[in-house]
Protein backbone atom coordinates (compact mmCIF):
# COMPACT_ATOMS: atom_id res chain seq x y z
CA UNK A 1 20.53 -35.19 -17.42
CA UNK A 2 21.57 -31.51 -16.94
CA UNK A 3 20.23 -29.88 -13.95
CA UNK A 4 19.50 -26.21 -13.33
CA UNK A 5 21.77 -24.10 -11.27
CA UNK A 6 21.70 -24.96 -7.55
CA UNK A 7 20.12 -28.27 -8.08
CA UNK A 8 20.82 -30.96 -5.44
CA UNK A 9 19.70 -34.51 -5.64
CA UNK A 10 16.07 -33.53 -6.12
CA UNK A 11 16.69 -32.14 -9.61
CA UNK A 12 14.24 -29.35 -9.17
CA UNK A 13 16.86 -26.41 -9.04
CA UNK A 14 15.98 -22.83 -8.65
CA UNK A 15 12.66 -21.37 -9.37
CA UNK A 16 12.26 -18.92 -12.34
CA UNK A 17 12.05 -15.39 -11.12
CA UNK A 18 8.50 -13.72 -11.66
CA UNK A 19 8.65 -9.86 -12.05
CA UNK A 20 5.98 -8.16 -9.93
CA UNK A 21 3.90 -5.47 -11.37
CA UNK A 22 4.61 -2.08 -10.27
CA UNK A 23 2.21 0.21 -8.51
CA UNK A 24 0.09 2.40 -10.89
CA UNK A 25 0.62 5.85 -9.41
CA UNK A 26 -1.81 7.54 -11.84
CA UNK A 27 -4.86 5.83 -10.25
CA UNK A 28 -4.24 7.91 -7.07
CA UNK A 29 -4.71 11.28 -8.72
CA UNK A 30 -7.72 12.68 -10.19
CA UNK A 31 -7.98 15.88 -12.39
CA UNK A 32 -11.38 17.61 -12.14
CA UNK A 33 -11.36 20.87 -14.05
CA UNK A 34 -8.52 22.89 -12.74
CA UNK A 35 -8.21 21.09 -9.40
CA UNK A 36 -6.21 18.13 -8.68
CA UNK A 37 -7.60 15.57 -6.11
CA UNK A 38 -5.03 13.18 -4.38
CA UNK A 39 -5.64 9.99 -2.44
CA UNK A 40 -4.74 10.01 1.23
CA UNK A 41 -1.02 9.51 1.92
CA UNK A 42 0.79 7.89 4.86
CA UNK A 43 1.57 10.49 7.64
CA UNK A 44 4.59 8.20 8.83
CA UNK A 45 6.03 7.60 5.39
CA UNK A 46 5.19 10.85 3.89
CA UNK A 47 3.91 11.97 0.56
CA UNK A 48 4.25 9.34 -2.31
CA UNK A 49 3.13 6.32 -0.18
CA UNK A 50 -0.56 6.03 -0.46
CA UNK A 51 -2.98 4.36 2.00
CA UNK A 52 -4.76 1.36 0.56
CA UNK A 53 -8.59 1.71 0.73
CA UNK A 54 -10.17 -1.05 2.63
CA UNK A 55 -13.80 -1.40 3.97
CA UNK A 56 -13.92 1.22 6.86
CA UNK A 57 -10.05 1.86 7.08
CA UNK A 58 -6.96 2.95 5.11
CA UNK A 59 -3.68 0.95 5.51
CA UNK A 60 -0.11 1.64 4.57
CA UNK A 61 1.63 -1.27 3.08
CA UNK A 62 4.95 -0.03 3.86
CA UNK A 63 4.75 0.67 7.54
CA UNK A 64 1.44 -1.03 8.40
CA UNK A 65 -0.12 2.26 9.71
CA UNK A 66 -3.83 1.98 9.93
CA UNK A 67 -6.46 4.80 9.87
CA UNK A 68 -9.99 3.81 10.72
CA UNK A 69 -12.95 5.73 9.34
CA UNK A 70 -16.23 6.54 11.03
CA UNK A 71 -14.90 6.56 14.58
CA UNK A 72 -14.42 10.30 15.42
CA UNK A 73 -12.93 11.38 18.65
CA UNK A 74 -15.31 13.47 20.44
CA UNK A 75 -13.72 16.51 22.10
CA UNK A 76 -15.08 17.36 25.59
CA UNK A 77 -15.39 21.11 25.66
CA UNK A 78 -17.25 23.12 28.32
CA UNK A 79 -17.80 20.17 30.65
CA UNK A 80 -16.57 20.64 34.22
């Protein structure tokens, strides 16, 4: 019985390679009239790496930077 490459005694061999889908960059841009709206990008990785939109946060899939929404840092001005 012929075996696939790399097969030992088990006869299973190497798994078939599955190609992953590429990111759809067009969904991160929106053209409204003459303006162009862009999704938020990662401040660490730079433009071109977008933050994934989760419930209450945005996360970079490359460097794992996380930005939480709703929690604003209140500046203390005028208090002495």
